[in-house]
All heavy atoms as atom14 arrays in JSON, in Angstrom:
{
  "sequence": "QFAPVFAITTLDYNQDGKPDVLLAGNLNQARLRFGKYDANYGTLL",
  "atom14_mask": [
    [1, 1, 1, 1, 1, 1, 1, 1, 1, 0, 0, 0, 0, 0],
    [1, 1, 1, 1, 1, 1, 1, 1, 1, 1, 1, 0, 0, 0],
    [1, 1, 1, 1, 1, 0, 0, 0, 0, 0, 0, 0, 0, 0],
    [1, 1, 1, 1, 1, 1, 1, 0, 0, 0, 0, 0, 0, 0],
    [1, 1, 1, 1, 1, 1, 1, 0, 0, 0, 0, 0, 0, 0],
    [1, 1, 1, 1, 1, 1, 1, 1, 1, 1, 1, 0, 0, 0],
    [1, 1, 1, 1, 1, 0, 0, 0, 0, 0, 0, 0, 0, 0],
    [1, 1, 1, 1, 1, 1, 1, 1, 0, 0, 0, 0, 0, 0],
    [1, 1, 1, 1, 1, 1, 1, 0, 0, 0, 0, 0, 0, 0],
    [1, 1, 1, 1, 1, 1, 1, 0, 0, 0, 0, 0, 0, 0],
    [1, 1, 1, 1, 1, 1, 1, 1, 0, 0, 0, 0, 0, 0],
    [1, 1, 1, 1, 1, 1, 1, 1, 0, 0, 0, 0, 0, 0],
    [1, 1, 1, 1, 1, 1, 1, 1, 1, 1, 1, 1, 0, 0],
    [1, 1, 1, 1, 1, 1, 1, 1, 0, 0, 0, 0, 0, 0],
    [1, 1, 1, 1, 1, 1, 1, 1, 1, 0, 0, 0, 0, 0],
    [1, 1, 1, 1, 1, 1, 1, 1, 0, 0, 0, 0, 0, 0],
    [1, 1, 1, 1, 0, 0, 0, 0, 0, 0, 0, 0, 0, 0],
    [1, 1, 1, 1, 1, 1, 1, 1, 1, 0, 0, 0, 0, 0],
    [1, 1, 1, 1, 1, 1, 1, 0, 0, 0, 0, 0, 0, 0],
    [1, 1, 1, 1, 1, 1, 1, 1, 0, 0, 0, 0, 0, 0],
    [1, 1, 1, 1, 1, 1, 1, 0, 0, 0, 0, 0, 0, 0],
    [1, 1, 1, 1, 1, 1, 1, 1, 0, 0, 0, 0, 0, 0],
    [1, 1, 1, 1, 1, 1, 1, 1, 0, 0, 0, 0, 0, 0],
    [1, 1, 1, 1, 1, 0, 0, 0, 0, 0, 0, 0, 0, 0],
    [1, 1, 1, 1, 0, 0, 0, 0, 0, 0, 0, 0, 0, 0],
    [1, 1, 1, 1, 1, 1, 1, 1, 0, 0, 0, 0, 0, 0],
    [1, 1, 1, 1, 1, 1, 1, 1, 0, 0, 0, 0, 0, 0],
    [1, 1, 1, 1, 1, 1, 1, 1, 0, 0, 0, 0, 0, 0],
    [1, 1, 1, 1, 1, 1, 1, 1, 1, 0, 0, 0, 0, 0],
    [1, 1, 1, 1, 1, 0, 0, 0, 0, 0, 0, 0, 0, 0],
    [1, 1, 1, 1, 1, 1, 1, 1, 1, 1, 1, 0, 0, 0],
    [1, 1, 1, 1, 1, 1, 1, 1, 0, 0, 0, 0, 0, 0],
    [1, 1, 1, 1, 1, 1, 1, 1, 1, 1, 1, 0, 0, 0],
    [1, 1, 1, 1, 1, 1, 1, 1, 1, 1, 1, 0, 0, 0],
    [1, 1, 1, 1, 0, 0, 0, 0, 0, 0, 0, 0, 0, 0],
    [1, 1, 1, 1, 1, 1, 1, 1, 1, 0, 0, 0, 0, 0],
    [1, 1, 1, 1, 1, 1, 1, 1, 1, 1, 1, 1, 0, 0],
    [1, 1, 1, 1, 1, 1, 1, 1, 0, 0, 0, 0, 0, 0],
    [1, 1, 1, 1, 1, 0, 0, 0, 0, 0, 0, 0, 0, 0],
    [1, 1, 1, 1, 1, 1, 1, 1, 0, 0, 0, 0, 0, 0],
    [1, 1, 1, 1, 1, 1, 1, 1, 1, 1, 1, 1, 0, 0],
    [1, 1, 1, 1, 0, 0, 0, 0, 0, 0, 0, 0, 0, 0],
    [1, 1, 1, 1, 1, 1, 1, 0, 0, 0, 0, 0, 0, 0],
    [1, 1, 1, 1, 1, 1, 1, 1, 0, 0, 0, 0, 0, 0],
    [1, 1, 1, 1, 1, 1, 1, 1, 0, 0, 0, 0, 0, 0]
  ],
  "atom14_positions": [
    [[29.19, 8.79, 62.31], [28.98, 7.44, 62.65], [29.61, 6.97, 63.95], [29.63, 5.87, 64.31], [29.59, 6.55, 61.48], [29.24, 7.02, 60.15], [27.65, 7.01, 59.75], [27.0, 6.25, 60.22], [27.35, 8.08, 59.05], [0.0, 0.0, 0.0], [0.0, 0.0, 0.0], [0.0, 0.0, 0.0], [0.0, 0.0, 0.0], [0.0, 0.0, 0.0]],
    [[30.3, 7.96, 64.72], [31.21, 7.58, 65.86], [30.29, 7.14, 67.07], [30.92, 6.52, 67.84], [32.07, 8.78, 66.13], [33.34, 8.96, 65.17], [33.92, 10.04, 65.17], [33.47, 8.05, 64.1], [35.05, 10.29, 64.4], [34.45, 8.3, 63.12], [35.27, 9.41, 63.31], [0.0, 0.0, 0.0], [0.0, 0.0, 0.0], [0.0, 0.0, 0.0]],
    [[29.17, 7.62, 67.13], [28.27, 7.31, 68.33], [26.79, 7.41, 67.96], [26.52, 7.93, 66.86], [28.64, 8.27, 69.49], [0.0, 0.0, 0.0], [0.0, 0.0, 0.0], [0.0, 0.0, 0.0], [0.0, 0.0, 0.0], [0.0, 0.0, 0.0], [0.0, 0.0, 0.0], [0.0, 0.0, 0.0], [0.0, 0.0, 0.0], [0.0, 0.0, 0.0]],
    [[26.0, 6.83, 68.73], [24.46, 6.91, 68.48], [24.14, 8.33, 68.56], [24.56, 9.19, 69.26], [23.86, 6.16, 69.61], [24.93, 5.35, 70.12], [26.25, 5.87, 69.97], [0.0, 0.0, 0.0], [0.0, 0.0, 0.0], [0.0, 0.0, 0.0], [0.0, 0.0, 0.0], [0.0, 0.0, 0.0], [0.0, 0.0, 0.0], [0.0, 0.0, 0.0]],
    [[23.1, 8.65, 67.66], [22.57, 9.93, 67.44], [21.2, 10.0, 68.03], [20.31, 9.21, 67.54], [22.52, 10.55, 66.04], [21.87, 11.95, 65.91], [24.01, 10.66, 65.53], [0.0, 0.0, 0.0], [0.0, 0.0, 0.0], [0.0, 0.0, 0.0], [0.0, 0.0, 0.0], [0.0, 0.0, 0.0], [0.0, 0.0, 0.0], [0.0, 0.0, 0.0]],
    [[20.88, 10.74, 68.97], [19.49, 10.87, 69.54], [18.82, 12.24, 69.32], [17.69, 12.35, 69.59], [19.63, 10.55, 71.11], [19.86, 9.11, 71.31], [21.1, 8.76, 71.68], [18.8, 8.11, 71.21], [21.44, 7.36, 71.87], [19.21, 6.82, 71.44], [20.48, 6.4, 71.84], [0.0, 0.0, 0.0], [0.0, 0.0, 0.0], [0.0, 0.0, 0.0]],
    [[19.58, 13.28, 69.02], [19.03, 14.57, 68.8], [19.67, 15.23, 67.59], [20.96, 15.19, 67.49], [19.38, 15.35, 70.04], [0.0, 0.0, 0.0], [0.0, 0.0, 0.0], [0.0, 0.0, 0.0], [0.0, 0.0, 0.0], [0.0, 0.0, 0.0], [0.0, 0.0, 0.0], [0.0, 0.0, 0.0], [0.0, 0.0, 0.0], [0.0, 0.0, 0.0]],
    [[18.83, 15.93, 66.79], [19.26, 16.57, 65.57], [18.58, 17.99, 65.51], [17.37, 18.07, 65.81], [18.86, 15.78, 64.41], [19.44, 14.36, 64.38], [19.26, 16.51, 63.0], [18.98, 13.44, 63.29], [0.0, 0.0, 0.0], [0.0, 0.0, 0.0], [0.0, 0.0, 0.0], [0.0, 0.0, 0.0], [0.0, 0.0, 0.0], [0.0, 0.0, 0.0]],
    [[19.34, 18.98, 64.9], [18.69, 20.27, 64.74], [19.32, 20.86, 63.47], [20.5, 20.46, 63.34], [18.71, 21.29, 65.99], [17.77, 22.33, 65.58], [20.04, 21.69, 66.28], [0.0, 0.0, 0.0], [0.0, 0.0, 0.0], [0.0, 0.0, 0.0], [0.0, 0.0, 0.0], [0.0, 0.0, 0.0], [0.0, 0.0, 0.0], [0.0, 0.0, 0.0]],
    [[18.58, 21.63, 62.81], [19.16, 22.42, 61.78], [19.51, 23.73, 62.14], [18.9, 24.43, 63.16], [18.27, 22.47, 60.43], [17.01, 23.06, 60.86], [18.02, 21.09, 59.92], [0.0, 0.0, 0.0], [0.0, 0.0, 0.0], [0.0, 0.0, 0.0], [0.0, 0.0, 0.0], [0.0, 0.0, 0.0], [0.0, 0.0, 0.0], [0.0, 0.0, 0.0]],
    [[20.52, 24.43, 61.65], [20.86, 25.76, 61.82], [21.6, 26.37, 60.6], [21.86, 25.48, 59.72], [21.77, 25.91, 63.05], [23.02, 25.12, 63.09], [23.96, 25.84, 64.17], [22.89, 23.74, 63.46], [0.0, 0.0, 0.0], [0.0, 0.0, 0.0], [0.0, 0.0, 0.0], [0.0, 0.0, 0.0], [0.0, 0.0, 0.0], [0.0, 0.0, 0.0]],
    [[22.0, 27.53, 60.67], [22.95, 28.07, 59.68], [24.03, 28.71, 60.36], [24.09, 29.96, 60.38], [22.08, 29.09, 58.76], [22.97, 29.54, 57.57], [24.01, 29.06, 57.35], [22.5, 30.51, 56.78], [0.0, 0.0, 0.0], [0.0, 0.0, 0.0], [0.0, 0.0, 0.0], [0.0, 0.0, 0.0], [0.0, 0.0, 0.0], [0.0, 0.0, 0.0]],
    [[25.0, 27.96, 60.88], [26.04, 28.49, 61.68], [27.02, 29.42, 61.04], [27.52, 30.29, 61.64], [26.78, 27.24, 62.37], [27.97, 26.93, 61.6], [29.33, 27.33, 62.13], [27.99, 26.0, 60.55], [30.45, 26.96, 61.46], [29.2, 25.77, 59.86], [30.35, 26.17, 60.28], [31.54, 25.83, 59.66], [0.0, 0.0, 0.0], [0.0, 0.0, 0.0]],
    [[27.22, 29.23, 59.8], [28.11, 30.13, 59.03], [27.43, 31.28, 58.22], [28.09, 31.83, 57.41], [29.02, 29.31, 58.11], [28.28, 28.47, 57.17], [27.06, 28.38, 57.08], [28.97, 27.76, 56.31], [0.0, 0.0, 0.0], [0.0, 0.0, 0.0], [0.0, 0.0, 0.0], [0.0, 0.0, 0.0], [0.0, 0.0, 0.0], [0.0, 0.0, 0.0]],
    [[26.12, 31.28, 58.31], [25.35, 32.35, 57.66], [25.56, 32.4, 56.18], [25.54, 33.43, 55.61], [25.53, 33.69, 58.27], [25.44, 33.78, 59.82], [24.14, 33.53, 60.22], [23.16, 34.24, 59.75], [23.92, 32.58, 61.21], [0.0, 0.0, 0.0], [0.0, 0.0, 0.0], [0.0, 0.0, 0.0], [0.0, 0.0, 0.0], [0.0, 0.0, 0.0]],
    [[25.55, 31.24, 55.51], [25.68, 31.19, 54.13], [24.35, 31.0, 53.41], [24.42, 30.78, 52.21], [26.82, 30.18, 53.69], [26.4, 28.69, 53.96], [25.33, 28.51, 54.69], [27.17, 27.83, 53.63], [0.0, 0.0, 0.0], [0.0, 0.0, 0.0], [0.0, 0.0, 0.0], [0.0, 0.0, 0.0], [0.0, 0.0, 0.0], [0.0, 0.0, 0.0]],
    [[23.31, 30.87, 54.22], [22.02, 30.68, 53.57], [21.7, 29.2, 53.35], [20.6, 28.83, 52.78], [0.0, 0.0, 0.0], [0.0, 0.0, 0.0], [0.0, 0.0, 0.0], [0.0, 0.0, 0.0], [0.0, 0.0, 0.0], [0.0, 0.0, 0.0], [0.0, 0.0, 0.0], [0.0, 0.0, 0.0], [0.0, 0.0, 0.0], [0.0, 0.0, 0.0]],
    [[22.65, 28.27, 53.53], [22.42, 26.83, 53.38], [22.24, 26.16, 54.66], [23.08, 26.4, 55.58], [23.58, 26.27, 52.6], [23.97, 26.9, 51.26], [25.21, 26.5, 50.69], [25.44, 27.29, 49.39], [26.79, 27.22, 48.96], [0.0, 0.0, 0.0], [0.0, 0.0, 0.0], [0.0, 0.0, 0.0], [0.0, 0.0, 0.0], [0.0, 0.0, 0.0]],
    [[21.41, 25.12, 54.77], [21.12, 24.62, 56.18], [22.29, 23.63, 56.54], [22.82, 22.93, 55.78], [19.86, 23.73, 55.95], [19.33, 23.99, 54.57], [20.42, 24.81, 53.8], [0.0, 0.0, 0.0], [0.0, 0.0, 0.0], [0.0, 0.0, 0.0], [0.0, 0.0, 0.0], [0.0, 0.0, 0.0], [0.0, 0.0, 0.0], [0.0, 0.0, 0.0]],
    [[22.79, 23.76, 57.71], [23.53, 22.98, 58.36], [23.0, 22.12, 59.3], [21.73, 22.46, 59.77], [24.75, 23.85, 59.07], [25.38, 24.91, 58.16], [25.72, 24.38, 56.93], [25.51, 26.05, 58.51], [0.0, 0.0, 0.0], [0.0, 0.0, 0.0], [0.0, 0.0, 0.0], [0.0, 0.0, 0.0], [0.0, 0.0, 0.0], [0.0, 0.0, 0.0]],
    [[23.65, 21.05, 59.89], [23.03, 20.04, 60.72], [23.94, 19.83, 61.98], [25.09, 19.71, 61.92], [22.69, 18.75, 60.02], [22.06, 17.78, 60.96], [21.72, 18.87, 58.83], [0.0, 0.0, 0.0], [0.0, 0.0, 0.0], [0.0, 0.0, 0.0], [0.0, 0.0, 0.0], [0.0, 0.0, 0.0], [0.0, 0.0, 0.0], [0.0, 0.0, 0.0]],
    [[23.31, 19.83, 63.07], [24.07, 19.45, 64.38], [23.42, 18.33, 64.92], [22.17, 18.16, 65.14], [23.9, 20.64, 65.36], [24.4, 20.32, 66.81], [25.96, 20.19, 66.64], [24.18, 21.52, 67.7], [0.0, 0.0, 0.0], [0.0, 0.0, 0.0], [0.0, 0.0, 0.0], [0.0, 0.0, 0.0], [0.0, 0.0, 0.0], [0.0, 0.0, 0.0]],
    [[24.28, 17.29, 65.21], [23.95, 15.88, 65.79], [24.53, 15.8, 67.15], [25.58, 16.21, 67.37], [24.43, 14.81, 64.88], [24.25, 14.89, 63.31], [25.07, 13.79, 62.63], [22.87, 14.87, 62.98], [0.0, 0.0, 0.0], [0.0, 0.0, 0.0], [0.0, 0.0, 0.0], [0.0, 0.0, 0.0], [0.0, 0.0, 0.0], [0.0, 0.0, 0.0]],
    [[23.69, 15.1, 68.06], [24.26, 14.81, 69.36], [23.62, 13.55, 69.82], [22.68, 13.14, 69.33], [23.89, 15.99, 70.24], [0.0, 0.0, 0.0], [0.0, 0.0, 0.0], [0.0, 0.0, 0.0], [0.0, 0.0, 0.0], [0.0, 0.0, 0.0], [0.0, 0.0, 0.0], [0.0, 0.0, 0.0], [0.0, 0.0, 0.0], [0.0, 0.0, 0.0]],
    [[24.2, 12.93, 70.78], [23.66, 11.76, 71.36], [24.64, 11.15, 72.45], [24.8, 11.69, 73.41], [0.0, 0.0, 0.0], [0.0, 0.0, 0.0], [0.0, 0.0, 0.0], [0.0, 0.0, 0.0], [0.0, 0.0, 0.0], [0.0, 0.0, 0.0], [0.0, 0.0, 0.0], [0.0, 0.0, 0.0], [0.0, 0.0, 0.0], [0.0, 0.0, 0.0]],
    [[25.1, 10.01, 72.12], [25.91, 9.18, 73.15], [24.99, 8.14, 73.9], [23.75, 8.38, 74.06], [26.73, 9.91, 74.07], [27.78, 10.74, 73.31], [28.29, 10.3, 72.26], [28.16, 11.86, 73.77], [0.0, 0.0, 0.0], [0.0, 0.0, 0.0], [0.0, 0.0, 0.0], [0.0, 0.0, 0.0], [0.0, 0.0, 0.0], [0.0, 0.0, 0.0]],
    [[25.66, 7.18, 74.42], [24.97, 6.19, 75.18], [25.99, 5.54, 76.23], [26.94, 4.78, 75.93], [24.43, 5.0, 74.43], [23.67, 3.95, 75.01], [22.39, 4.47, 75.74], [23.22, 2.75, 74.04], [0.0, 0.0, 0.0], [0.0, 0.0, 0.0], [0.0, 0.0, 0.0], [0.0, 0.0, 0.0], [0.0, 0.0, 0.0], [0.0, 0.0, 0.0]],
    [[25.94, 6.08, 77.51], [26.86, 5.79, 78.5], [26.43, 4.67, 79.33], [27.17, 4.11, 80.03], [27.14, 7.05, 79.48], [28.19, 7.94, 78.68], [29.31, 7.63, 78.49], [27.72, 9.16, 78.33], [0.0, 0.0, 0.0], [0.0, 0.0, 0.0], [0.0, 0.0, 0.0], [0.0, 0.0, 0.0], [0.0, 0.0, 0.0], [0.0, 0.0, 0.0]],
    [[25.26, 4.21, 79.14], [24.73, 3.04, 80.03], [24.66, 1.78, 79.13], [23.8, 1.01, 79.49], [23.28, 3.46, 80.64], [23.34, 4.68, 81.47], [24.16, 4.48, 82.74], [24.2, 3.39, 83.32], [24.9, 5.65, 83.01], [0.0, 0.0, 0.0], [0.0, 0.0, 0.0], [0.0, 0.0, 0.0], [0.0, 0.0, 0.0], [0.0, 0.0, 0.0]],
    [[25.61, 1.67, 78.34], [25.57, 0.38, 77.47], [26.07, -0.85, 78.34], [26.68, -0.58, 79.39], [26.63, 0.56, 76.19], [0.0, 0.0, 0.0], [0.0, 0.0, 0.0], [0.0, 0.0, 0.0], [0.0, 0.0, 0.0], [0.0, 0.0, 0.0], [0.0, 0.0, 0.0], [0.0, 0.0, 0.0], [0.0, 0.0, 0.0], [0.0, 0.0, 0.0]],
    [[25.86, -1.94, 77.84], [26.34, -3.17, 78.55], [27.86, -3.02, 78.68], [28.58, -2.67, 77.79], [25.94, -4.48, 77.79], [24.44, -4.51, 77.86], [23.9, -5.7, 77.12], [24.58, -6.91, 77.55], [24.55, -8.05, 76.91], [23.98, -8.16, 75.79], [25.12, -9.05, 77.4], [0.0, 0.0, 0.0], [0.0, 0.0, 0.0], [0.0, 0.0, 0.0]],
    [[28.44, -3.59, 79.86], [29.77, -3.6, 80.11], [30.62, -4.14, 79.0], [31.75, -3.71, 78.67], [30.06, -4.24, 81.37], [29.6, -3.42, 82.75], [29.85, -4.22, 83.85], [30.34, -2.19, 82.76], [0.0, 0.0, 0.0], [0.0, 0.0, 0.0], [0.0, 0.0, 0.0], [0.0, 0.0, 0.0], [0.0, 0.0, 0.0], [0.0, 0.0, 0.0]],
    [[30.23, -5.21, 78.43], [30.93, -6.06, 77.44], [31.21, -5.18, 76.2], [32.3, -5.25, 75.59], [30.22, -7.22, 77.02], [30.91, -8.07, 75.98], [30.13, -9.35, 75.86], [31.05, -10.14, 74.76], [30.69, -11.31, 74.36], [29.61, -11.98, 74.79], [31.5, -12.02, 73.43], [0.0, 0.0, 0.0], [0.0, 0.0, 0.0], [0.0, 0.0, 0.0]],
    [[30.34, -4.13, 75.89], [30.45, -3.37, 74.66], [31.16, -2.05, 75.11], [31.55, -1.41, 74.16], [29.09, -3.22, 74.06], [28.58, -4.5, 73.65], [27.33, -4.97, 74.14], [29.15, -5.28, 72.55], [26.82, -6.16, 73.75], [28.56, -6.43, 72.24], [27.47, -7.01, 72.86], [0.0, 0.0, 0.0], [0.0, 0.0, 0.0], [0.0, 0.0, 0.0]],
    [[30.94, -1.66, 76.31], [31.51, -0.22, 76.55], [30.64, 0.83, 76.32], [29.48, 0.74, 75.77], [0.0, 0.0, 0.0], [0.0, 0.0, 0.0], [0.0, 0.0, 0.0], [0.0, 0.0, 0.0], [0.0, 0.0, 0.0], [0.0, 0.0, 0.0], [0.0, 0.0, 0.0], [0.0, 0.0, 0.0], [0.0, 0.0, 0.0], [0.0, 0.0, 0.0]],
    [[31.04, 1.94, 76.52], [30.26, 3.28, 76.35], [30.45, 3.69, 74.9], [31.33, 3.41, 74.16], [30.88, 4.44, 77.04], [30.71, 4.25, 78.61], [31.34, 5.43, 79.43], [31.24, 5.27, 80.75], [31.82, 6.45, 81.56], [0.0, 0.0, 0.0], [0.0, 0.0, 0.0], [0.0, 0.0, 0.0], [0.0, 0.0, 0.0], [0.0, 0.0, 0.0]],
    [[29.3, 4.28, 74.31], [29.17, 4.8, 73.08], [29.2, 6.38, 73.33], [28.02, 6.93, 73.19], [28.1, 4.32, 72.26], [27.9, 2.8, 72.21], [26.93, 2.15, 72.88], [28.84, 2.05, 71.36], [26.79, 0.72, 72.9], [28.59, 0.75, 71.25], [27.65, 0.08, 72.01], [27.63, -1.32, 71.78], [0.0, 0.0, 0.0], [0.0, 0.0, 0.0]],
    [[30.29, 6.93, 73.41], [30.24, 8.38, 73.88], [31.27, 9.36, 73.07], [31.9, 10.13, 73.54], [30.54, 8.5, 75.39], [31.91, 7.91, 75.74], [32.62, 7.43, 75.0], [32.32, 8.15, 76.9], [0.0, 0.0, 0.0], [0.0, 0.0, 0.0], [0.0, 0.0, 0.0], [0.0, 0.0, 0.0], [0.0, 0.0, 0.0], [0.0, 0.0, 0.0]],
    [[31.35, 8.91, 71.84], [32.49, 9.8, 70.93], [31.82, 10.98, 70.28], [32.44, 11.44, 69.41], [33.0, 8.81, 70.03], [0.0, 0.0, 0.0], [0.0, 0.0, 0.0], [0.0, 0.0, 0.0], [0.0, 0.0, 0.0], [0.0, 0.0, 0.0], [0.0, 0.0, 0.0], [0.0, 0.0, 0.0], [0.0, 0.0, 0.0], [0.0, 0.0, 0.0]],
    [[30.59, 11.34, 70.58], [29.92, 12.53, 70.03], [29.87, 13.65, 70.93], [29.22, 13.57, 71.96], [28.5, 12.13, 69.59], [27.82, 13.17, 68.77], [28.02, 14.44, 68.99], [26.92, 12.85, 67.86], [0.0, 0.0, 0.0], [0.0, 0.0, 0.0], [0.0, 0.0, 0.0], [0.0, 0.0, 0.0], [0.0, 0.0, 0.0], [0.0, 0.0, 0.0]],
    [[30.64, 14.76, 70.64], [30.7, 15.91, 71.56], [29.93, 17.03, 70.91], [30.17, 18.26, 71.23], [32.18, 16.38, 71.81], [32.91, 15.19, 72.54], [33.88, 14.43, 71.91], [32.68, 15.01, 73.86], [34.51, 13.42, 72.5], [33.32, 13.99, 74.58], [34.27, 13.28, 73.98], [34.89, 12.39, 74.62], [0.0, 0.0, 0.0], [0.0, 0.0, 0.0]],
    [[28.96, 16.7, 69.99], [28.38, 17.64, 69.13], [28.88, 17.66, 67.83], [29.97, 18.18, 67.71], [0.0, 0.0, 0.0], [0.0, 0.0, 0.0], [0.0, 0.0, 0.0], [0.0, 0.0, 0.0], [0.0, 0.0, 0.0], [0.0, 0.0, 0.0], [0.0, 0.0, 0.0], [0.0, 0.0, 0.0], [0.0, 0.0, 0.0], [0.0, 0.0, 0.0]],
    [[28.32, 17.11, 66.98], [28.8, 16.87, 65.57], [28.17, 17.9, 64.59], [26.96, 17.69, 64.27], [28.66, 15.44, 65.0], [29.26, 14.61, 65.88], [29.2, 15.27, 63.68], [0.0, 0.0, 0.0], [0.0, 0.0, 0.0], [0.0, 0.0, 0.0], [0.0, 0.0, 0.0], [0.0, 0.0, 0.0], [0.0, 0.0, 0.0], [0.0, 0.0, 0.0]],
    [[28.92, 18.92, 64.12], [28.33, 19.93, 63.28], [28.77, 19.54, 61.86], [29.9, 19.32, 61.54], [29.01, 21.32, 63.72], [28.44, 22.56, 62.84], [26.96, 22.69, 63.03], [29.25, 23.75, 63.26], [0.0, 0.0, 0.0], [0.0, 0.0, 0.0], [0.0, 0.0, 0.0], [0.0, 0.0, 0.0], [0.0, 0.0, 0.0], [0.0, 0.0, 0.0]],
    [[27.73, 19.5, 61.02], [27.89, 19.3, 59.56], [27.44, 20.33, 58.73], [26.33, 20.83, 58.86], [27.11, 18.01, 59.19], [27.41, 16.74, 60.02], [26.35, 15.68, 59.6], [28.81, 16.32, 59.83], [0.0, 0.0, 0.0], [0.0, 0.0, 0.0], [0.0, 0.0, 0.0], [0.0, 0.0, 0.0], [0.0, 0.0, 0.0], [0.0, 0.0, 0.0]]
  ]
}
C-alpha cells in the first residue's frame, strides 16, 4: 500500500511451487502539493 502499483508479475522466487508476486510502480510526477509517491523499490510478496 506504500505507493501506486503499475506493474505486477508472478514468479516462484523461493522455488517452493507456490506462486509469489512482485509489484512495482511509483509516481514521481505528482502534483507538488501532494509530493512524490515513490516508496516502492520492488515489493516481493
